[in-house]
Amino acid sequence: MDAETALEFVKHGATLLLLDVPQYTLIGIDTQMFSSGPNFKGIKMIPPGIHFIYYSSANREGSEFSPVVGFFIDATASQVIVRKWDQKEERFVKLSEEEEERYSDAVKRLEFDKQLGHTH
């Protein structure tokens, strides 16, 4: 994908920012799956529309996984959706509106860009 096309996707696609994801967690969107490394912070360039996000946490070694759970998002252009890993519950939770807005602004300033996987 050329740089211009990529920039359009970054500008108009949605971003799913995932905070505090434990390493080796499997995270999927629709038919694409990622295994989180130490710097993984989510997924960018998500086309507008309804998408299924699913995940499975791993043990420390990344050799055993919990059952897969998920949720739907209805992404709009340039939207930033923020979820934070809750260690006790072993699931992603929503943040307060104020916190979500702060992280959303940081995403729009491309502060997390190098830590985001992409859908294309």
PDB file of N, CA and C in Angstrom:
ATOM      1  N   MET A   1       0.853  -1.173   0.000  1.00  0.00           N
ATOM      2  CA  MET A   1       0.000   0.000   0.000  1.00  0.00           C
ATOM      3  C   MET A   1       0.897   1.234   0.000  1.00  0.00           C
ATOM      4  N   ASP A   2       0.592   2.198  -0.886  1.00  0.00           N
ATOM      5  CA  ASP A   2       1.435   3.386  -0.937  1.00  0.00           C
ATOM      6  C   ASP A   2       1.122   4.309   0.247  1.00  0.00           C
ATOM      7  N   ALA A   3       2.027   5.247   0.517  1.00  0.00           N
ATOM      8  CA  ALA A   3       1.921   6.123   1.692  1.00  0.00           C
ATOM      9  C   ALA A   3       0.653   6.969   1.676  1.00  0.00           C
ATOM     10  N   GLU A   4       0.252   7.450   0.498  1.00  0.00           N
ATOM     11  CA  GLU A   4      -0.953   8.287   0.404  1.00  0.00           C
ATOM     12  C   GLU A   4      -2.207   7.506   0.796  1.00  0.00           C
ATOM     13  N   THR A   5      -2.327   6.290   0.274  1.00  0.00           N
ATOM     14  CA  THR A   5      -3.477   5.437   0.601  1.00  0.00           C
ATOM     15  C   THR A   5      -3.481   5.125   2.085  1.00  0.00           C
ATOM     16  N   ALA A   6      -2.321   4.807   2.629  1.00  0.00           N
ATOM     17  CA  ALA A   6      -2.212   4.496   4.057  1.00  0.00           C
ATOM     18  C   ALA A   6      -2.653   5.684   4.907  1.00  0.00           C
ATOM     19  N   LEU A   7      -2.224   6.886   4.516  1.00  0.00           N
ATOM     20  CA  LEU A   7      -2.587   8.085   5.272  1.00  0.00           C
ATOM     21  C   LEU A   7      -4.096   8.313   5.242  1.00  0.00           C
ATOM     22  N   GLU A   8      -4.726   8.033   4.104  1.00  0.00           N
ATOM     23  CA  GLU A   8      -6.190   8.160   4.006  1.00  0.00           C
ATOM     24  C   GLU A   8      -6.874   7.193   4.969  1.00  0.00           C
ATOM     25  N   PHE A   9      -6.374   5.952   5.025  1.00  0.00           N
ATOM     26  CA  PHE A   9      -6.952   4.963   5.941  1.00  0.00           C
ATOM     27  C   PHE A   9      -6.771   5.390   7.393  1.00  0.00           C
ATOM     28  N   VAL A  10      -5.589   5.939   7.708  1.00  0.00           N
ATOM     29  CA  VAL A  10      -5.323   6.402   9.074  1.00  0.00           C
ATOM     30  C   VAL A  10      -6.288   7.532   9.423  1.00  0.00           C
ATOM     31  N   LYS A  11      -6.484   8.474   8.489  1.00  0.00           N
ATOM     32  CA  LYS A  11      -7.359   9.626   8.742  1.00  0.00           C
ATOM     33  C   LYS A  11      -8.823   9.226   8.839  1.00  0.00           C
ATOM     34  N   HIS A  12      -9.272   8.357   7.923  1.00  0.00           N
ATOM     35  CA  HIS A  12     -10.701   8.070   7.827  1.00  0.00           C
ATOM     36  C   HIS A  12     -11.114   6.765   8.491  1.00  0.00           C
ATOM     37  N   GLY A  13     -10.164   5.888   8.709  1.00  0.00           N
ATOM     38  CA  GLY A  13     -10.488   4.635   9.378  1.00  0.00           C
ATOM     39  C   GLY A  13     -10.584   4.859  10.879  1.00  0.00           C
ATOM     40  N   ALA A  14     -11.224   3.937  11.552  1.00  0.00           N
ATOM     41  CA  ALA A  14     -11.317   4.004  13.007  1.00  0.00           C
ATOM     42  C   ALA A  14     -10.071   3.366  13.622  1.00  0.00           C
ATOM     43  N   THR A  15      -9.849   3.665  14.894  1.00  0.00           N
ATOM     44  CA  THR A  15      -8.739   3.072  15.636  1.00  0.00           C
ATOM     45  C   THR A  15      -9.288   2.433  16.901  1.00  0.00           C
ATOM     46  N   LEU A  16      -8.853   1.221  17.169  1.00  0.00           N
ATOM     47  CA  LEU A  16      -9.188   0.542  18.414  1.00  0.00           C
ATOM     48  C   LEU A  16      -7.926   0.545  19.258  1.00  0.00           C
ATOM     49  N   LEU A  17      -7.896   1.398  20.295  1.00  0.00           N
ATOM     50  CA  LEU A  17      -6.740   1.496  21.175  1.00  0.00           C
ATOM     51  C   LEU A  17      -6.962   0.558  22.356  1.00  0.00           C
ATOM     52  N   LEU A  18      -6.044  -0.381  22.539  1.00  0.00           N
ATOM     53  CA  LEU A  18      -6.157  -1.379  23.606  1.00  0.00           C
ATOM     54  C   LEU A  18      -4.997  -1.180  24.579  1.00  0.00           C
ATOM     55  N   LEU A  19      -5.315  -0.832  25.808  1.00  0.00           N
ATOM     56  CA  LEU A  19      -4.300  -0.499  26.804  1.00  0.00           C
ATOM     57  C   LEU A  19      -4.028  -1.673  27.742  1.00  0.00           C
ATOM     58  N   ASP A  20      -2.770  -1.801  28.152  1.00  0.00           N
ATOM     59  CA  ASP A  20      -2.332  -2.802  29.132  1.00  0.00           C
ATOM     60  C   ASP A  20      -2.605  -4.245  28.703  1.00  0.00           C
ATOM     61  N   VAL A  21      -2.513  -4.518  27.410  1.00  0.00           N
ATOM     62  CA  VAL A  21      -2.760  -5.876  26.911  1.00  0.00           C
ATOM     63  C   VAL A  21      -1.596  -6.772  27.329  1.00  0.00           C
ATOM     64  N   PRO A  22      -1.884  -7.887  28.011  1.00  0.00           N
ATOM     65  CA  PRO A  22      -0.792  -8.799  28.370  1.00  0.00           C
ATOM     66  C   PRO A  22      -0.151  -9.404  27.108  1.00  0.00           C
ATOM     67  N   GLN A  23       1.155  -9.606  27.161  1.00  0.00           N
ATOM     68  CA  GLN A  23       1.863 -10.194  26.018  1.00  0.00           C
ATOM     69  C   GLN A  23       1.284 -11.568  25.698  1.00  0.00           C
ATOM     70  N   TYR A  24       1.281 -11.920  24.443  1.00  0.00           N
ATOM     71  CA  TYR A  24       0.789 -13.184  23.871  1.00  0.00           C
ATOM     72  C   TYR A  24      -0.733 -13.263  23.759  1.00  0.00           C
ATOM     73  N   THR A  25      -1.462 -12.233  24.208  1.00  0.00           N
ATOM     74  CA  THR A  25      -2.912 -12.266  24.059  1.00  0.00           C
ATOM     75  C   THR A  25      -3.241 -12.301  22.572  1.00  0.00           C
ATOM     76  N   LEU A  26      -4.163 -13.180  22.182  1.00  0.00           N
ATOM     77  CA  LEU A  26      -4.612 -13.232  20.797  1.00  0.00           C
ATOM     78  C   LEU A  26      -5.764 -12.242  20.656  1.00  0.00           C
ATOM     79  N   ILE A  27      -5.666 -11.356  19.662  1.00  0.00           N
ATOM     80  CA  ILE A  27      -6.695 -10.347  19.445  1.00  0.00           C
ATOM     81  C   ILE A  27      -7.075 -10.374  17.982  1.00  0.00           C
ATOM     82  N   GLY A  28      -8.368 -10.467  17.718  1.00  0.00           N
ATOM     83  CA  GLY A  28      -8.822 -10.535  16.344  1.00  0.00           C
ATOM     84  C   GLY A  28      -9.851  -9.477  16.022  1.00  0.00           C
ATOM     85  N   ILE A  29      -9.897  -9.134  14.745  1.00  0.00           N
ATOM     86  CA  ILE A  29     -10.956  -8.274  14.218  1.00  0.00           C
ATOM     87  C   ILE A  29     -11.437  -8.960  12.948  1.00  0.00           C
ATOM     88  N   ASP A  30     -12.708  -9.306  12.937  1.00  0.00           N
ATOM     89  CA  ASP A  30     -13.306 -10.023  11.808  1.00  0.00           C
ATOM     90  C   ASP A  30     -12.493 -11.292  11.521  1.00  0.00           C
ATOM     91  N   THR A  31     -11.780 -11.339  10.389  1.00  0.00           N
ATOM     92  CA  THR A  31     -11.030 -12.558  10.044  1.00  0.00           C
ATOM     93  C   THR A  31      -9.520 -12.415  10.259  1.00  0.00           C
ATOM     94  N   GLN A  32      -9.082 -11.302  10.824  1.00  0.00           N
ATOM     95  CA  GLN A  32      -7.650 -11.068  11.002  1.00  0.00           C
ATOM     96  C   GLN A  32      -7.284 -11.162  12.483  1.00  0.00           C
ATOM     97  N   MET A  33      -6.189 -11.880  12.799  1.00  0.00           N
ATOM     98  CA  MET A  33      -5.805 -12.055  14.190  1.00  0.00           C
ATOM     99  C   MET A  33      -4.378 -11.584  14.434  1.00  0.00           C
ATOM    100  N   PHE A  34      -4.160 -11.032  15.624  1.00  0.00           N
ATOM    101  CA  PHE A  34      -2.848 -10.559  16.054  1.00  0.00           C
ATOM    102  C   PHE A  34      -2.490 -11.269  17.348  1.00  0.00           C
ATOM    103  N   SER A  35      -1.188 -11.458  17.578  1.00  0.00           N
ATOM    104  CA  SER A  35      -0.703 -11.916  18.875  1.00  0.00           C
ATOM    105  C   SER A  35       0.040 -10.726  19.457  1.00  0.00           C
ATOM    106  N   SER A  36      -0.367 -10.288  20.642  1.00  0.00           N
ATOM    107  CA  SER A  36       0.210  -9.052  21.173  1.00  0.00           C
ATOM    108  C   SER A  36       1.631  -9.267  21.677  1.00  0.00           C
ATOM    109  N   GLY A  37       2.484  -8.375  21.243  1.00  0.00           N
ATOM    110  CA  GLY A  37       3.853  -8.327  21.743  1.00  0.00           C
ATOM    111  C   GLY A  37       3.913  -7.273  22.842  1.00  0.00           C
ATOM    112  N   PRO A  38       5.106  -6.979  23.335  1.00  0.00           N
ATOM    113  CA  PRO A  38       5.233  -6.047  24.452  1.00  0.00           C
ATOM    114  C   PRO A  38       4.791  -4.616  24.121  1.00  0.00           C
ATOM    115  N   ASN A  39       4.795  -4.231  22.850  1.00  0.00           N
ATOM    116  CA  ASN A  39       4.438  -2.855  22.488  1.00  0.00           C
ATOM    117  C   ASN A  39       3.068  -2.717  21.829  1.00  0.00           C
ATOM    118  N   PHE A  40       2.328  -3.808  21.692  1.00  0.00           N
ATOM    119  CA  PHE A  40       1.037  -3.782  20.997  1.00  0.00           C
ATOM    120  C   PHE A  40       0.029  -2.904  21.734  1.00  0.00           C
ATOM    121  N   LYS A  41      -0.595  -1.969  20.987  1.00  0.00           N
ATOM    122  CA  LYS A  41      -1.574  -1.061  21.595  1.00  0.00           C
ATOM    123  C   LYS A  41      -2.886  -1.016  20.822  1.00  0.00           C
ATOM    124  N   GLY A  42      -3.109  -1.940  19.883  1.00  0.00           N
ATOM    125  CA  GLY A  42      -4.399  -1.938  19.204  1.00  0.00           C
ATOM    126  C   GLY A  42      -4.298  -2.019  17.695  1.00  0.00           C
ATOM    127  N   ILE A  43      -5.383  -1.579  17.047  1.00  0.00           N
ATOM    128  CA  ILE A  43      -5.524  -1.742  15.597  1.00  0.00           C
ATOM    129  C   ILE A  43      -5.996  -0.437  14.988  1.00  0.00           C
ATOM    130  N   LYS A  44      -5.347  -0.043  13.878  1.00  0.00           N
ATOM    131  CA  LYS A  44      -5.733   1.188  13.181  1.00  0.00           C
ATOM    132  C   LYS A  44      -6.266   0.847  11.795  1.00  0.00           C
ATOM    133  N   MET A  45      -6.736   1.859  11.095  1.00  0.00           N
ATOM    134  CA  MET A  45      -7.226   1.739   9.712  1.00  0.00           C
ATOM    135  C   MET A  45      -8.436   0.813   9.603  1.00  0.00           C
ATOM    136  N   ILE A  46      -9.291   0.801  10.614  1.00  0.00           N
ATOM    137  CA  ILE A  46     -10.488  -0.041  10.584  1.00  0.00           C
ATOM    138  C   ILE A  46     -11.538   0.653   9.720  1.00  0.00           C
ATOM    139  N   PRO A  47     -12.019  -0.005   8.661  1.00  0.00           N
ATOM    140  CA  PRO A  47     -13.021   0.621   7.801  1.00  0.00           C
ATOM    141  C   PRO A  47     -14.312   0.884   8.589  1.00  0.00           C
ATOM    142  N   PRO A  48     -15.013   1.980   8.294  1.00  0.00           N
ATOM    143  CA  PRO A  48     -16.296   2.231   8.970  1.00  0.00           C
ATOM    144  C   PRO A  48     -17.237   1.040   8.786  1.00  0.00           C
ATOM    145  N   GLY A  49     -18.053   0.781   9.806  1.00  0.00           N
ATOM    146  CA  GLY A  49     -19.007  -0.315   9.755  1.00  0.00           C
ATOM    147  C   GLY A  49     -18.935  -1.170  11.005  1.00  0.00           C
ATOM    148  N   ILE A  50     -19.662  -2.266  10.992  1.00  0.00           N
ATOM    149  CA  ILE A  50     -19.725  -3.158  12.150  1.00  0.00           C
ATOM    150  C   ILE A  50     -18.631  -4.213  12.042  1.00  0.00           C
ATOM    151  N   HIS A  51     -17.914  -4.389  13.131  1.00  0.00           N
ATOM    152  CA  HIS A  51     -16.813  -5.355  13.183  1.00  0.00           C
ATOM    153  C   HIS A  51     -16.901  -6.141  14.485  1.00  0.00           C
ATOM    154  N   PHE A  52     -16.421  -7.389  14.443  1.00  0.00           N
ATOM    155  CA  PHE A  52     -16.376  -8.223  15.641  1.00  0.00           C
ATOM    156  C   PHE A  52     -14.942  -8.246  16.152  1.00  0.00           C
ATOM    157  N   ILE A  53     -14.767  -7.855  17.401  1.00  0.00           N
ATOM    158  CA  ILE A  53     -13.465  -7.871  18.068  1.00  0.00           C
ATOM    159  C   ILE A  53     -13.487  -9.044  19.045  1.00  0.00           C
ATOM    160  N   TYR A  54     -12.462  -9.872  19.010  1.00  0.00           N
ATOM    161  CA  TYR A  54     -12.434 -11.029  19.913  1.00  0.00           C
ATOM    162  C   TYR A  54     -11.018 -11.219  20.440  1.00  0.00           C
ATOM    163  N   TYR A  55     -10.924 -11.875  21.582  1.00  0.00           N
ATOM    164  CA  TYR A  55      -9.602 -12.037  22.194  1.00  0.00           C
ATOM    165  C   TYR A  55      -9.563 -13.241  23.116  1.00  0.00           C
ATOM    166  N   SER A  56      -8.348 -13.685  23.369  1.00  0.00           N
ATOM    167  CA  SER A  56      -8.104 -14.818  24.245  1.00  0.00           C
ATOM    168  C   SER A  56      -6.785 -14.550  24.971  1.00  0.00           C
ATOM    169  N   SER A  57      -6.834 -14.454  26.285  1.00  0.00           N
ATOM    170  CA  SER A  57      -5.606 -14.176  27.023  1.00  0.00           C
ATOM    171  C   SER A  57      -4.795 -15.457  27.181  1.00  0.00           C
ATOM    172  N   ALA A  58      -3.496 -15.277  27.356  1.00  0.00           N
ATOM    173  CA  ALA A  58      -2.564 -16.408  27.446  1.00  0.00           C
ATOM    174  C   ALA A  58      -1.924 -16.465  28.826  1.00  0.00           C
ATOM    175  N   ASN A  59      -1.340 -17.620  29.130  1.00  0.00           N
ATOM    176  CA  ASN A  59      -0.535 -17.691  30.350  1.00  0.00           C
ATOM    177  C   ASN A  59       0.792 -16.963  30.083  1.00  0.00           C
ATOM    178  N   ARG A  60       1.624 -16.854  31.097  1.00  0.00           N
ATOM    179  CA  ARG A  60       2.879 -16.089  30.974  1.00  0.00           C
ATOM    180  C   ARG A  60       3.778 -16.542  29.833  1.00  0.00           C
ATOM    181  N   GLU A  61       3.761 -17.837  29.542  1.00  0.00           N
ATOM    182  CA  GLU A  61       4.639 -18.380  28.497  1.00  0.00           C
ATOM    183  C   GLU A  61       4.002 -18.310  27.111  1.00  0.00           C
ATOM    184  N   GLY A  62       2.718 -17.994  27.053  1.00  0.00           N
ATOM    185  CA  GLY A  62       2.037 -17.949  25.765  1.00  0.00           C
ATOM    186  C   GLY A  62       1.715 -19.325  25.219  1.00  0.00           C
ATOM    187  N   SER A  63       1.642 -20.339  26.109  1.00  0.00           N
ATOM    188  CA  SER A  63       1.400 -21.706  25.635  1.00  0.00           C
ATOM    189  C   SER A  63      -0.019 -22.203  25.909  1.00  0.00           C
ATOM    190  N   GLU A  64      -0.753 -21.524  26.795  1.00  0.00           N
ATOM    191  CA  GLU A  64      -2.140 -21.897  27.088  1.00  0.00           C
ATOM    192  C   GLU A  64      -3.008 -20.657  27.001  1.00  0.00           C
ATOM    193  N   PHE A  65      -4.242 -20.845  26.515  1.00  0.00           N
ATOM    194  CA  PHE A  65      -5.117 -19.699  26.281  1.00  0.00           C
ATOM    195  C   PHE A  65      -6.478 -19.881  26.936  1.00  0.00           C
ATOM    196  N   SER A  66      -7.088 -18.760  27.313  1.00  0.00           N
ATOM    197  CA  SER A  66      -8.437 -18.789  27.884  1.00  0.00           C
ATOM    198  C   SER A  66      -9.446 -18.904  26.734  1.00  0.00           C
ATOM    199  N   PRO A  67     -10.716 -19.178  27.042  1.00  0.00           N
ATOM    200  CA  PRO A  67     -11.733 -19.216  25.984  1.00  0.00           C
ATOM    201  C   PRO A  67     -11.815 -17.864  25.262  1.00  0.00           C
ATOM    202  N   VAL A  68     -12.182 -17.902  24.007  1.00  0.00           N
ATOM    203  CA  VAL A  68     -12.304 -16.671  23.211  1.00  0.00           C
ATOM    204  C   VAL A  68     -13.591 -15.946  23.592  1.00  0.00           C
ATOM    205  N   VAL A  69     -13.479 -14.645  23.831  1.00  0.00           N
ATOM    206  CA  VAL A  69     -14.648 -13.791  24.082  1.00  0.00           C
ATOM    207  C   VAL A  69     -14.551 -12.591  23.156  1.00  0.00           C
ATOM    208  N   GLY A  70     -15.667 -11.894  22.938  1.00  0.00           N
ATOM    209  CA  GLY A  70     -15.599 -10.777  22.024  1.00  0.00           C
ATOM    210  C   GLY A  70     -16.748  -9.806  22.178  1.00  0.00           C
ATOM    211  N   PHE A  71     -16.695  -8.763  21.356  1.00  0.00           N
ATOM    212  CA  PHE A  71     -17.732  -7.736  21.346  1.00  0.00           C
ATOM    213  C   PHE A  71     -17.773  -7.100  19.957  1.00  0.00           C
ATOM    214  N   PHE A  72     -18.886  -6.490  19.630  1.00  0.00           N
ATOM    215  CA  PHE A  72     -19.027  -5.807  18.357  1.00  0.00           C
ATOM    216  C   PHE A  72     -18.745  -4.321  18.532  1.00  0.00           C
ATOM    217  N   ILE A  73     -18.198  -3.713  17.481  1.00  0.00           N
ATOM    218  CA  ILE A  73     -18.077  -2.258  17.438  1.00  0.00           C
ATOM    219  C   ILE A  73     -18.747  -1.784  16.150  1.00  0.00           C
ATOM    220  N   ASP A  74     -19.303  -0.602  16.189  1.00  0.00           N
ATOM    221  CA  ASP A  74     -19.852   0.032  14.994  1.00  0.00           C
ATOM    222  C   ASP A  74     -18.977   1.246  14.740  1.00  0.00           C
ATOM    223  N   ALA A  75     -17.928   1.038  13.960  1.00  0.00           N
ATOM    224  CA  ALA A  75     -16.902   2.057  13.760  1.00  0.00           C
ATOM    225  C   ALA A  75     -17.370   3.137  12.786  1.00  0.00           C
ATOM    226  N   THR A  76     -17.058   4.371  13.132  1.00  0.00           N
ATOM    227  CA  THR A  76     -17.318   5.491  12.222  1.00  0.00           C
ATOM    228  C   THR A  76     -15.975   6.073  11.799  1.00  0.00           C
ATOM    229  N   ALA A  77     -15.969   6.852  10.732  1.00  0.00           N
ATOM    230  CA  ALA A  77     -14.735   7.434  10.213  1.00  0.00           C
ATOM    231  C   ALA A  77     -14.025   8.246  11.291  1.00  0.00           C
ATOM    232  N   SER A  78     -12.740   8.050  11.415  1.00  0.00           N
ATOM    233  CA  SER A  78     -11.865   8.781  12.342  1.00  0.00           C
ATOM    234  C   SER A  78     -12.182   8.558  13.819  1.00  0.00           C
ATOM    235  N   GLN A  79     -13.018   7.586  14.133  1.00  0.00           N
ATOM    236  CA  GLN A  79     -13.372   7.320  15.525  1.00  0.00           C
ATOM    237  C   GLN A  79     -12.224   6.610  16.242  1.00  0.00           C
ATOM    238  N   VAL A  80     -12.066   6.902  17.527  1.00  0.00           N
ATOM    239  CA  VAL A  80     -11.105   6.182  18.356  1.00  0.00           C
ATOM    240  C   VAL A  80     -11.896   5.495  19.467  1.00  0.00           C
ATOM    241  N   ILE A  81     -11.770   4.167  19.516  1.00  0.00           N
ATOM    242  CA  ILE A  81     -12.440   3.369  20.538  1.00  0.00           C
ATOM    243  C   ILE A  81     -11.348   2.888  21.488  1.00  0.00           C
ATOM    244  N   VAL A  82     -11.526   3.155  22.781  1.00  0.00           N
ATOM    245  CA  VAL A  82     -10.489   2.814  23.758  1.00  0.00           C
ATOM    246  C   VAL A  82     -11.023   1.769  24.737  1.00  0.00           C
ATOM    247  N   ARG A  83     -10.239   0.725  24.950  1.00  0.00           N
ATOM    248  CA  ARG A  83     -10.551  -0.281  25.954  1.00  0.00           C
ATOM    249  C   ARG A  83      -9.271  -0.572  26.738  1.00  0.00           C
ATOM    250  N   LYS A  84      -9.437  -0.879  28.016  1.00  0.00           N
ATOM    251  CA  LYS A  84      -8.280  -1.165  28.874  1.00  0.00           C
ATOM    252  C   LYS A  84      -8.428  -2.571  29.442  1.00  0.00           C
ATOM    253  N   TRP A  85      -7.312  -3.306  29.514  1.00  0.00           N
ATOM    254  CA  TRP A  85      -7.329  -4.659  30.042  1.00  0.00           C
ATOM    255  C   TRP A  85      -7.511  -4.606  31.551  1.00  0.00           C
ATOM    256  N   ASP A  86      -8.484  -5.350  32.040  1.00  0.00           N
ATOM    257  CA  ASP A  86      -8.716  -5.487  33.476  1.00  0.00           C
ATOM    258  C   ASP A  86      -8.107  -6.821  33.888  1.00  0.00           C
ATOM    259  N   GLN A  87      -7.003  -6.756  34.623  1.00  0.00           N
ATOM    260  CA  GLN A  87      -6.240  -7.958  34.983  1.00  0.00           C
ATOM    261  C   GLN A  87      -7.077  -8.947  35.791  1.00  0.00           C
ATOM    262  N   LYS A  88      -7.853  -8.440  36.746  1.00  0.00           N
ATOM    263  CA  LYS A  88      -8.651  -9.323  37.608  1.00  0.00           C
ATOM    264  C   LYS A  88      -9.767 -10.015  36.836  1.00  0.00           C
ATOM    265  N   GLU A  89     -10.450  -9.249  35.987  1.00  0.00           N
ATOM    266  CA  GLU A  89     -11.583  -9.780  35.215  1.00  0.00           C
ATOM    267  C   GLU A  89     -11.130 -10.531  33.953  1.00  0.00           C
ATOM    268  N   GLU A  90      -9.866 -10.307  33.555  1.00  0.00           N
ATOM    269  CA  GLU A  90      -9.312 -10.859  32.309  1.00  0.00           C
ATOM    270  C   GLU A  90     -10.187 -10.503  31.109  1.00  0.00           C
ATOM    271  N   ARG A  91     -10.505  -9.213  31.001  1.00  0.00           N
ATOM    272  CA  ARG A  91     -11.293  -8.745  29.858  1.00  0.00           C
ATOM    273  C   ARG A  91     -11.046  -7.260  29.643  1.00  0.00           C
ATOM    274  N   PHE A  92     -11.471  -6.765  28.479  1.00  0.00           N
ATOM    275  CA  PHE A  92     -11.349  -5.346  28.174  1.00  0.00           C
ATOM    276  C   PHE A  92     -12.541  -4.597  28.749  1.00  0.00           C
ATOM    277  N   VAL A  93     -12.276  -3.444  29.341  1.00  0.00           N
ATOM    278  CA  VAL A  93     -13.329  -2.617  29.929  1.00  0.00           C
ATOM    279  C   VAL A  93     -13.259  -1.204  29.336  1.00  0.00           C
ATOM    280  N   LYS A  94     -14.387  -0.496  29.398  1.00  0.00           N
ATOM    281  CA  LYS A  94     -14.439   0.887  28.921  1.00  0.00           C
ATOM    282  C   LYS A  94     -13.807   1.807  29.956  1.00  0.00           C
ATOM    283  N   LEU A  95     -13.304   2.927  29.472  1.00  0.00           N
ATOM    284  CA  LEU A  95     -12.754   3.957  30.352  1.00  0.00           C
ATOM    285  C   LEU A  95     -13.808   5.037  30.565  1.00  0.00           C
ATOM    286  N   SER A  96     -13.530   5.946  31.472  1.00  0.00           N
ATOM    287  CA  SER A  96     -14.420   7.090  31.647  1.00  0.00           C
ATOM    288  C   SER A  96     -14.343   7.935  30.370  1.00  0.00           C
ATOM    289  N   GLU A  97     -15.375   8.731  30.117  1.00  0.00           N
ATOM    290  CA  GLU A  97     -15.396   9.567  28.910  1.00  0.00           C
ATOM    291  C   GLU A  97     -14.188  10.487  28.850  1.00  0.00           C
ATOM    292  N   GLU A  98     -13.829  11.046  30.000  1.00  0.00           N
ATOM    293  CA  GLU A  98     -12.700  11.976  30.074  1.00  0.00           C
ATOM    294  C   GLU A  98     -11.393  11.286  29.684  1.00  0.00           C
ATOM    295  N   GLU A  99     -11.167  10.083  30.249  1.00  0.00           N
ATOM    296  CA  GLU A  99      -9.962   9.323  29.923  1.00  0.00           C
ATOM    297  C   GLU A  99      -9.949   8.927  28.452  1.00  0.00           C
ATOM    298  N   GLU A 100     -11.108   8.475  27.956  1.00  0.00           N
ATOM    299  CA  GLU A 100     -11.205   8.050  26.563  1.00  0.00           C
ATOM    300  C   GLU A 100     -10.877   9.220  25.632  1.00  0.00           C
ATOM    301  N   GLU A 101     -11.351  10.406  25.977  1.00  0.00           N
ATOM    302  CA  GLU A 101     -11.086  11.593  25.152  1.00  0.00           C
ATOM    303  C   GLU A 101      -9.595  11.929  25.133  1.00  0.00           C
ATOM    304  N   ARG A 102      -8.951  11.805  26.282  1.00  0.00           N
ATOM    305  CA  ARG A 102      -7.518  12.101  26.367  1.00  0.00           C
ATOM    306  C   ARG A 102      -6.719  11.152  25.474  1.00  0.00           C
ATOM    307  N   TYR A 103      -7.038   9.855  25.556  1.00  0.00           N
ATOM    308  CA  TYR A 103      -6.345   8.869  24.717  1.00  0.00           C
ATOM    309  C   TYR A 103      -6.683   9.072  23.240  1.00  0.00           C
ATOM    310  N   SER A 104      -7.929   9.421  22.963  1.00  0.00           N
ATOM    311  CA  SER A 104      -8.364   9.662  21.589  1.00  0.00           C
ATOM    312  C   SER A 104      -7.556  10.799  20.962  1.00  0.00           C
ATOM    313  N   ASP A 105      -7.342  11.859  21.715  1.00  0.00           N
ATOM    314  CA  ASP A 105      -6.532  12.986  21.228  1.00  0.00           C
ATOM    315  C   ASP A 105      -5.100  12.547  20.937  1.00  0.00           C
ATOM    316  N   ALA A 106      -4.542  11.700  21.806  1.00  0.00           N
ATOM    317  CA  ALA A 106      -3.173  11.205  21.611  1.00  0.00           C
ATOM    318  C   ALA A 106      -3.090  10.361  20.331  1.00  0.00           C
ATOM    319  N   VAL A 107      -4.114   9.542  20.073  1.00  0.00           N
ATOM    320  CA  VAL A 107      -4.146   8.723  18.852  1.00  0.00           C
ATOM    321  C   VAL A 107      -4.179   9.637  17.632  1.00  0.00           C
ATOM    322  N   LYS A 108      -4.982  10.683  17.686  1.00  0.00           N
ATOM    323  CA  LYS A 108      -5.109  11.612  16.549  1.00  0.00           C
ATOM    324  C   LYS A 108      -3.822  12.400  16.314  1.00  0.00           C
ATOM    325  N   ARG A 109      -2.994  12.518  17.347  1.00  0.00           N
ATOM    326  CA  ARG A 109      -1.673  13.151  17.184  1.00  0.00           C
ATOM    327  C   ARG A 109      -0.628  12.106  16.774  1.00  0.00           C
ATOM    328  N   LEU A 110      -1.083  10.881  16.477  1.00  0.00           N
ATOM    329  CA  LEU A 110      -0.248   9.757  16.020  1.00  0.00           C
ATOM    330  C   LEU A 110       0.772   9.305  17.066  1.00  0.00           C
ATOM    331  N   GLU A 111       0.507   9.569  18.353  1.00  0.00           N
ATOM    332  CA  GLU A 111       1.433   9.180  19.411  1.00  0.00           C
ATOM    333  C   GLU A 111       1.550   7.661  19.566  1.00  0.00           C
ATOM    334  N   PHE A 112       0.510   6.929  19.189  1.00  0.00           N
ATOM    335  CA  PHE A 112       0.535   5.471  19.327  1.00  0.00           C
ATOM    336  C   PHE A 112       0.748   4.774  17.986  1.00  0.00           C
ATOM    337  N   ASP A 113       0.959   5.536  16.928  1.00  0.00           N
ATOM    338  CA  ASP A 113       0.937   4.981  15.568  1.00  0.00           C
ATOM    339  C   ASP A 113       1.832   3.769  15.366  1.00  0.00           C
ATOM    340  N   LYS A 114       3.052   3.803  15.878  1.00  0.00           N
ATOM    341  CA  LYS A 114       3.992   2.695  15.679  1.00  0.00           C
ATOM    342  C   LYS A 114       3.625   1.453  16.491  1.00  0.00           C
ATOM    343  N   GLN A 115       2.704   1.583  17.428  1.00  0.00           N
ATOM    344  CA  GLN A 115       2.321   0.456  18.284  1.00  0.00           C
ATOM    345  C   GLN A 115       0.985  -0.154  17.858  1.00  0.00           C
ATOM    346  N   LEU A 116       0.455   0.268  16.712  1.00  0.00           N
ATOM    347  CA  LEU A 116      -0.843  -0.221  16.250  1.00  0.00           C
ATOM    348  C   LEU A 116      -0.684  -1.125  15.050  1.00  0.00           C
ATOM    349  N   GLY A 117      -1.335  -2.293  15.116  1.00  0.00           N
ATOM    350  CA  GLY A 117      -1.423  -3.154  13.936  1.00  0.00           C
ATOM    351  C   GLY A 117      -2.459  -2.543  13.014  1.00  0.00           C
ATOM    352  N   HIS A 118      -2.528  -2.987  11.760  1.00  0.00           N
ATOM    353  CA  HIS A 118      -3.556  -2.426  10.876  1.00  0.00           C
ATOM    354  C   HIS A 118      -4.263  -3.500  10.107  1.00  0.00           C
ATOM    355  N   THR A 119      -5.465  -3.144   9.624  1.00  0.00           N
ATOM    356  CA  THR A 119      -6.348  -4.121   9.017  1.00  0.00           C
ATOM    357  C   THR A 119      -6.083  -4.348   7.538  1.00  0.00           C
ATOM    358  N   HIS A 120      -5.175  -3.628   6.936  1.00  0.00           N
ATOM    359  CA  HIS A 120      -4.959  -3.804   5.493  1.00  0.00           C
ATOM    360  C   HIS A 120      -3.572  -4.309   5.197  1.00  0.00           C
TER     361      HIS A 120
END
